[in-house]
Amino acid sequence: MVEMSENELLLLGRDEQRSLYFNNESYQCALLACGGAIETCAAVMDRVVKNAFAVIRPPGHHAEPCEAMGFCLFNNVAVATRVMQQRYGKDCERVLILDWYSTHSVFANVGMYIMV
C-alpha cells in the first residue's frame, strides 16, 4: 500500500465536480464494497437466498468505466454483473439494472457503454 500525506490526498479530491475524498484506506474499502456486491449477486445466483440487497459504501453508482467520480471508485453493480455473466454464462446473459436514485445518476448516462 502506498501511504500518502494529507496534502496529497486533498489534492486528489480537489476536483469538486468528481466529489472524491481519499484516505489511505479508500482503495481497500472500494474493493471490499465491490466484493460485497459480487458476493450478494452470487448468493442469489447460487440460490442461497431468494433475493438480496447489498448495503455497501461506497455505493459505486457514480463511477464511470474508466473514471472514479461522486465518492465512487468502481461501479460495483457493473463489475458484479460482469462477474456473474462470466461465472454463470447463459443463466445470466441478460440483466436489468435499475438505478433508483433521486438525482441524476452517472450510470444512466454511461451505462450503455458498459453493456452488461
N, C-alpha and C. Protein backbone atom coordinates (compact mmCIF):
# COMPACT_ATOMS: atom_id res chain seq x y z
N MET A 1 0.84 -1.16 0.00
CA MET A 1 0.00 0.00 0.00
C MET A 1 0.89 1.24 0.00
N VAL A 2 0.52 2.24 -0.77
CA VAL A 2 1.26 3.49 -0.83
C VAL A 2 0.64 4.46 0.17
N GLU A 3 1.45 4.97 1.06
CA GLU A 3 0.97 5.96 2.03
C GLU A 3 1.10 7.34 1.39
N MET A 4 0.06 8.14 1.55
CA MET A 4 0.07 9.49 1.01
C MET A 4 -0.10 10.48 2.15
N SER A 5 0.48 11.66 1.98
CA SER A 5 0.33 12.69 3.00
C SER A 5 -1.08 13.27 2.92
N GLU A 6 -1.47 13.96 3.96
CA GLU A 6 -2.80 14.59 3.97
C GLU A 6 -2.95 15.57 2.80
N ASN A 7 -1.89 16.33 2.49
CA ASN A 7 -1.95 17.27 1.37
C ASN A 7 -2.10 16.56 0.03
N GLU A 8 -1.40 15.43 -0.16
CA GLU A 8 -1.52 14.66 -1.40
C GLU A 8 -2.94 14.13 -1.56
N LEU A 9 -3.53 13.65 -0.46
CA LEU A 9 -4.90 13.15 -0.52
C LEU A 9 -5.88 14.27 -0.84
N LEU A 10 -5.67 15.43 -0.25
CA LEU A 10 -6.55 16.57 -0.53
C LEU A 10 -6.45 17.01 -1.99
N LEU A 11 -5.24 16.96 -2.56
CA LEU A 11 -5.07 17.32 -3.96
C LEU A 11 -5.82 16.36 -4.88
N LEU A 12 -5.85 15.08 -4.54
CA LEU A 12 -6.58 14.10 -5.34
C LEU A 12 -8.07 14.43 -5.41
N GLY A 13 -8.61 14.93 -4.32
CA GLY A 13 -10.04 15.23 -4.26
C GLY A 13 -10.39 16.67 -4.56
N ARG A 14 -9.46 17.42 -5.09
CA ARG A 14 -9.67 18.84 -5.31
C ARG A 14 -10.71 19.14 -6.38
N ASP A 15 -10.87 18.27 -7.33
CA ASP A 15 -11.82 18.48 -8.41
C ASP A 15 -13.22 18.28 -7.83
N GLU A 16 -13.89 19.38 -7.50
CA GLU A 16 -15.20 19.31 -6.85
C GLU A 16 -16.24 18.63 -7.72
N GLN A 17 -16.08 18.66 -9.02
CA GLN A 17 -17.04 18.02 -9.91
C GLN A 17 -17.08 16.51 -9.68
N ARG A 18 -15.96 15.93 -9.32
CA ARG A 18 -15.90 14.49 -9.11
C ARG A 18 -16.26 14.09 -7.68
N SER A 19 -16.28 15.03 -6.76
CA SER A 19 -16.67 14.77 -5.37
C SER A 19 -15.93 13.60 -4.76
N LEU A 20 -14.63 13.54 -4.93
CA LEU A 20 -13.85 12.44 -4.38
C LEU A 20 -13.04 12.91 -3.19
N TYR A 21 -13.07 12.12 -2.14
CA TYR A 21 -12.28 12.38 -0.96
C TYR A 21 -11.56 11.09 -0.63
N PHE A 22 -10.25 11.14 -0.64
CA PHE A 22 -9.46 9.93 -0.45
C PHE A 22 -8.79 9.91 0.91
N ASN A 23 -8.58 8.70 1.40
CA ASN A 23 -7.67 8.49 2.51
C ASN A 23 -6.88 7.24 2.17
N ASN A 24 -6.00 6.84 3.05
CA ASN A 24 -5.12 5.71 2.73
C ASN A 24 -5.85 4.38 2.67
N GLU A 25 -7.09 4.32 3.11
CA GLU A 25 -7.88 3.08 3.06
C GLU A 25 -8.93 3.10 1.96
N SER A 26 -9.02 4.16 1.17
CA SER A 26 -10.08 4.30 0.15
C SER A 26 -10.10 3.13 -0.84
N TYR A 27 -8.95 2.76 -1.35
CA TYR A 27 -8.89 1.69 -2.35
C TYR A 27 -9.35 0.36 -1.74
N GLN A 28 -8.86 0.05 -0.54
CA GLN A 28 -9.24 -1.21 0.11
C GLN A 28 -10.75 -1.22 0.41
N CYS A 29 -11.29 -0.10 0.86
CA CYS A 29 -12.73 -0.02 1.14
C CYS A 29 -13.54 -0.20 -0.14
N ALA A 30 -13.08 0.40 -1.23
CA ALA A 30 -13.78 0.26 -2.51
C ALA A 30 -13.74 -1.18 -3.00
N LEU A 31 -12.61 -1.87 -2.80
CA LEU A 31 -12.52 -3.29 -3.17
C LEU A 31 -13.49 -4.13 -2.35
N LEU A 32 -13.58 -3.85 -1.05
CA LEU A 32 -14.50 -4.59 -0.19
C LEU A 32 -15.95 -4.36 -0.60
N ALA A 33 -16.30 -3.12 -0.94
CA ALA A 33 -17.66 -2.82 -1.37
C ALA A 33 -17.99 -3.55 -2.67
N CYS A 34 -17.05 -3.54 -3.60
CA CYS A 34 -17.26 -4.23 -4.87
C CYS A 34 -17.39 -5.73 -4.65
N GLY A 35 -16.55 -6.28 -3.78
CA GLY A 35 -16.64 -7.69 -3.44
C GLY A 35 -17.95 -8.03 -2.77
N GLY A 36 -18.47 -7.10 -1.96
CA GLY A 36 -19.77 -7.31 -1.33
C GLY A 36 -20.89 -7.40 -2.35
N ALA A 37 -20.82 -6.57 -3.38
CA ALA A 37 -21.81 -6.62 -4.46
C ALA A 37 -21.72 -7.95 -5.21
N ILE A 38 -20.50 -8.39 -5.47
CA ILE A 38 -20.29 -9.66 -6.18
C ILE A 38 -20.83 -10.83 -5.35
N GLU A 39 -20.50 -10.87 -4.07
CA GLU A 39 -20.95 -11.97 -3.21
C GLU A 39 -22.47 -11.97 -3.03
N THR A 40 -23.07 -10.78 -2.98
CA THR A 40 -24.53 -10.69 -2.87
C THR A 40 -25.19 -11.29 -4.11
N CYS A 41 -24.69 -10.92 -5.27
CA CYS A 41 -25.24 -11.46 -6.52
C CYS A 41 -25.01 -12.98 -6.61
N ALA A 42 -23.84 -13.43 -6.19
CA ALA A 42 -23.53 -14.87 -6.24
C ALA A 42 -24.48 -15.65 -5.33
N ALA A 43 -24.82 -15.09 -4.17
CA ALA A 43 -25.74 -15.78 -3.26
C ALA A 43 -27.11 -15.97 -3.91
N VAL A 44 -27.54 -14.99 -4.68
CA VAL A 44 -28.81 -15.12 -5.39
C VAL A 44 -28.69 -16.13 -6.52
N MET A 45 -27.63 -16.04 -7.29
CA MET A 45 -27.46 -16.96 -8.42
C MET A 45 -27.29 -18.41 -7.95
N ASP A 46 -26.65 -18.60 -6.80
CA ASP A 46 -26.46 -19.95 -6.25
C ASP A 46 -27.68 -20.42 -5.45
N ARG A 47 -28.69 -19.60 -5.40
CA ARG A 47 -29.94 -19.90 -4.69
C ARG A 47 -29.74 -20.13 -3.19
N VAL A 48 -28.72 -19.46 -2.65
CA VAL A 48 -28.53 -19.46 -1.19
C VAL A 48 -29.63 -18.60 -0.56
N VAL A 49 -29.98 -17.52 -1.25
CA VAL A 49 -31.08 -16.64 -0.86
C VAL A 49 -31.96 -16.40 -2.08
N LYS A 50 -33.21 -16.03 -1.81
CA LYS A 50 -34.14 -15.79 -2.92
C LYS A 50 -33.90 -14.43 -3.55
N ASN A 51 -33.62 -13.43 -2.75
CA ASN A 51 -33.31 -12.10 -3.24
C ASN A 51 -32.39 -11.43 -2.22
N ALA A 52 -31.81 -10.32 -2.58
CA ALA A 52 -30.85 -9.67 -1.68
C ALA A 52 -30.75 -8.19 -1.99
N PHE A 53 -30.24 -7.47 -1.02
CA PHE A 53 -29.98 -6.05 -1.14
C PHE A 53 -28.63 -5.80 -0.50
N ALA A 54 -27.69 -5.28 -1.25
CA ALA A 54 -26.34 -5.04 -0.72
C ALA A 54 -26.25 -3.61 -0.19
N VAL A 55 -26.02 -3.49 1.09
CA VAL A 55 -25.82 -2.17 1.71
C VAL A 55 -24.31 -1.99 1.82
N ILE A 56 -23.76 -1.28 0.85
CA ILE A 56 -22.30 -1.14 0.78
C ILE A 56 -21.93 0.32 0.56
N ARG A 57 -20.78 0.70 1.09
CA ARG A 57 -20.23 2.03 0.88
C ARG A 57 -18.78 1.87 0.48
N PRO A 58 -18.28 2.54 -0.51
CA PRO A 58 -19.02 3.44 -1.38
C PRO A 58 -19.96 2.67 -2.32
N PRO A 59 -21.07 3.31 -2.70
CA PRO A 59 -22.09 2.61 -3.47
C PRO A 59 -21.68 2.26 -4.90
N GLY A 60 -20.92 3.11 -5.55
CA GLY A 60 -20.41 2.78 -6.87
C GLY A 60 -21.20 3.31 -8.04
N HIS A 61 -22.42 3.79 -7.85
CA HIS A 61 -23.25 4.12 -8.99
C HIS A 61 -22.83 5.39 -9.74
N HIS A 62 -21.89 6.15 -9.22
CA HIS A 62 -21.42 7.34 -9.95
C HIS A 62 -20.17 7.07 -10.78
N ALA A 63 -19.48 6.01 -10.50
CA ALA A 63 -18.22 5.73 -11.20
C ALA A 63 -18.48 5.38 -12.66
N GLU A 64 -17.65 5.92 -13.51
CA GLU A 64 -17.72 5.60 -14.93
C GLU A 64 -16.77 4.45 -15.23
N PRO A 65 -16.85 3.87 -16.42
CA PRO A 65 -15.99 2.71 -16.72
C PRO A 65 -14.50 2.96 -16.51
N CYS A 66 -14.02 4.16 -16.79
CA CYS A 66 -12.59 4.43 -16.67
C CYS A 66 -12.29 5.61 -15.76
N GLU A 67 -13.27 6.01 -14.93
CA GLU A 67 -13.05 7.19 -14.10
C GLU A 67 -13.86 7.11 -12.80
N ALA A 68 -13.16 7.33 -11.69
CA ALA A 68 -13.84 7.43 -10.40
C ALA A 68 -14.56 8.77 -10.33
N MET A 69 -15.72 8.78 -9.68
CA MET A 69 -16.49 10.01 -9.59
C MET A 69 -17.53 9.88 -8.49
N GLY A 70 -17.89 11.00 -7.88
CA GLY A 70 -19.00 11.04 -6.94
C GLY A 70 -18.88 10.08 -5.78
N PHE A 71 -17.75 10.08 -5.09
CA PHE A 71 -17.48 9.20 -3.95
C PHE A 71 -17.27 7.74 -4.35
N CYS A 72 -17.29 7.42 -5.61
CA CYS A 72 -17.24 6.02 -6.07
C CYS A 72 -15.97 5.76 -6.87
N LEU A 73 -15.23 4.72 -6.49
CA LEU A 73 -14.03 4.35 -7.24
C LEU A 73 -14.35 3.33 -8.32
N PHE A 74 -15.26 2.40 -8.04
CA PHE A 74 -15.66 1.37 -9.00
C PHE A 74 -17.18 1.39 -9.13
N ASN A 75 -17.68 1.05 -10.29
CA ASN A 75 -19.12 0.89 -10.45
C ASN A 75 -19.45 -0.55 -10.04
N ASN A 76 -19.75 -0.71 -8.77
CA ASN A 76 -19.92 -2.04 -8.17
C ASN A 76 -20.95 -2.90 -8.90
N VAL A 77 -22.05 -2.30 -9.32
CA VAL A 77 -23.10 -3.06 -9.99
C VAL A 77 -22.62 -3.58 -11.34
N ALA A 78 -21.94 -2.73 -12.09
CA ALA A 78 -21.44 -3.15 -13.40
C ALA A 78 -20.38 -4.25 -13.24
N VAL A 79 -19.49 -4.11 -12.26
CA VAL A 79 -18.46 -5.12 -12.04
C VAL A 79 -19.11 -6.43 -11.61
N ALA A 80 -20.03 -6.37 -10.65
CA ALA A 80 -20.70 -7.59 -10.18
C ALA A 80 -21.47 -8.27 -11.31
N THR A 81 -22.12 -7.49 -12.14
CA THR A 81 -22.86 -8.06 -13.26
C THR A 81 -21.94 -8.78 -14.23
N ARG A 82 -20.83 -8.16 -14.56
CA ARG A 82 -19.88 -8.79 -15.48
C ARG A 82 -19.31 -10.08 -14.88
N VAL A 83 -19.01 -10.08 -13.59
CA VAL A 83 -18.51 -11.28 -12.94
C VAL A 83 -19.57 -12.39 -12.99
N MET A 84 -20.83 -12.04 -12.73
CA MET A 84 -21.91 -13.03 -12.78
C MET A 84 -22.05 -13.60 -14.19
N GLN A 85 -21.93 -12.76 -15.19
CA GLN A 85 -22.02 -13.24 -16.58
C GLN A 85 -20.88 -14.19 -16.90
N GLN A 86 -19.69 -13.90 -16.39
CA GLN A 86 -18.56 -14.78 -16.63
C GLN A 86 -18.72 -16.11 -15.89
N ARG A 87 -19.23 -16.06 -14.67
CA ARG A 87 -19.39 -17.28 -13.85
C ARG A 87 -20.56 -18.15 -14.31
N TYR A 88 -21.67 -17.51 -14.67
CA TYR A 88 -22.91 -18.25 -14.87
C TYR A 88 -23.37 -18.30 -16.32
N GLY A 89 -22.62 -17.69 -17.21
CA GLY A 89 -22.90 -17.79 -18.65
C GLY A 89 -24.34 -17.50 -19.04
N LYS A 90 -24.97 -18.46 -19.71
CA LYS A 90 -26.34 -18.29 -20.24
C LYS A 90 -27.36 -17.97 -19.15
N ASP A 91 -27.14 -18.45 -17.93
CA ASP A 91 -28.08 -18.17 -16.84
C ASP A 91 -28.10 -16.70 -16.44
N CYS A 92 -27.11 -15.96 -16.91
CA CYS A 92 -27.01 -14.54 -16.55
C CYS A 92 -26.71 -13.69 -17.79
N GLU A 93 -27.27 -14.12 -18.90
CA GLU A 93 -26.97 -13.46 -20.17
C GLU A 93 -27.55 -12.05 -20.25
N ARG A 94 -28.79 -11.89 -19.81
CA ARG A 94 -29.46 -10.59 -19.86
C ARG A 94 -29.74 -10.12 -18.43
N VAL A 95 -29.37 -8.87 -18.16
CA VAL A 95 -29.50 -8.33 -16.81
C VAL A 95 -30.16 -6.96 -16.88
N LEU A 96 -31.12 -6.74 -16.01
CA LEU A 96 -31.74 -5.42 -15.87
C LEU A 96 -31.12 -4.76 -14.66
N ILE A 97 -30.57 -3.58 -14.86
CA ILE A 97 -30.02 -2.82 -13.75
C ILE A 97 -30.90 -1.60 -13.56
N LEU A 98 -31.53 -1.52 -12.40
CA LEU A 98 -32.38 -0.39 -12.06
C LEU A 98 -31.64 0.45 -11.05
N ASP A 99 -31.23 1.64 -11.45
CA ASP A 99 -30.50 2.54 -10.56
C ASP A 99 -31.52 3.53 -10.00
N TRP A 100 -32.06 3.22 -8.85
CA TRP A 100 -33.08 4.04 -8.22
C TRP A 100 -32.38 5.09 -7.38
N TYR A 101 -32.34 6.29 -7.91
CA TYR A 101 -31.59 7.36 -7.28
C TYR A 101 -32.36 8.64 -7.49
N SER A 102 -32.48 9.44 -6.44
CA SER A 102 -33.35 10.61 -6.52
C SER A 102 -32.80 11.74 -7.38
N THR A 103 -31.51 11.77 -7.62
CA THR A 103 -30.95 12.75 -8.53
C THR A 103 -30.40 12.02 -9.74
N HIS A 104 -29.97 12.76 -10.73
CA HIS A 104 -29.48 12.13 -11.96
C HIS A 104 -28.26 11.27 -11.68
N SER A 105 -28.26 10.09 -12.20
CA SER A 105 -27.16 9.15 -11.98
C SER A 105 -26.23 9.12 -13.19
N VAL A 106 -24.94 9.05 -12.92
CA VAL A 106 -23.97 8.91 -14.00
C VAL A 106 -24.19 7.60 -14.72
N PHE A 107 -24.59 6.55 -13.99
CA PHE A 107 -24.79 5.25 -14.62
C PHE A 107 -25.83 5.34 -15.73
N ALA A 108 -26.84 6.18 -15.55
CA ALA A 108 -27.85 6.35 -16.58
C ALA A 108 -27.22 6.91 -17.87
N ASN A 109 -26.20 7.73 -17.71
CA ASN A 109 -25.53 8.30 -18.88
C ASN A 109 -24.59 7.33 -19.57
N VAL A 110 -23.80 6.62 -18.80
CA VAL A 110 -22.75 5.79 -19.39
C VAL A 110 -23.03 4.31 -19.30
N GLY A 111 -24.14 3.92 -18.72
CA GLY A 111 -24.45 2.51 -18.56
C GLY A 111 -24.47 1.75 -19.87
N MET A 112 -24.91 2.39 -20.92
CA MET A 112 -24.97 1.71 -22.21
C MET A 112 -23.57 1.41 -22.76
N TYR A 113 -22.57 2.18 -22.33
CA TYR A 113 -21.21 1.90 -22.77
C TYR A 113 -20.70 0.62 -22.13
N ILE A 114 -21.19 0.34 -20.93
CA ILE A 114 -20.73 -0.85 -20.22
C ILE A 114 -21.34 -2.10 -20.82
N MET A 115 -22.59 -1.99 -21.25
CA MET A 115 -23.31 -3.08 -21.92
C MET A 115 -23.24 -4.38 -21.12
N VAL A 116 -23.71 -4.34 -19.89
CA VAL A 116 -23.69 -5.56 -19.07
C VAL A 116 -24.85 -6.44 -19.43
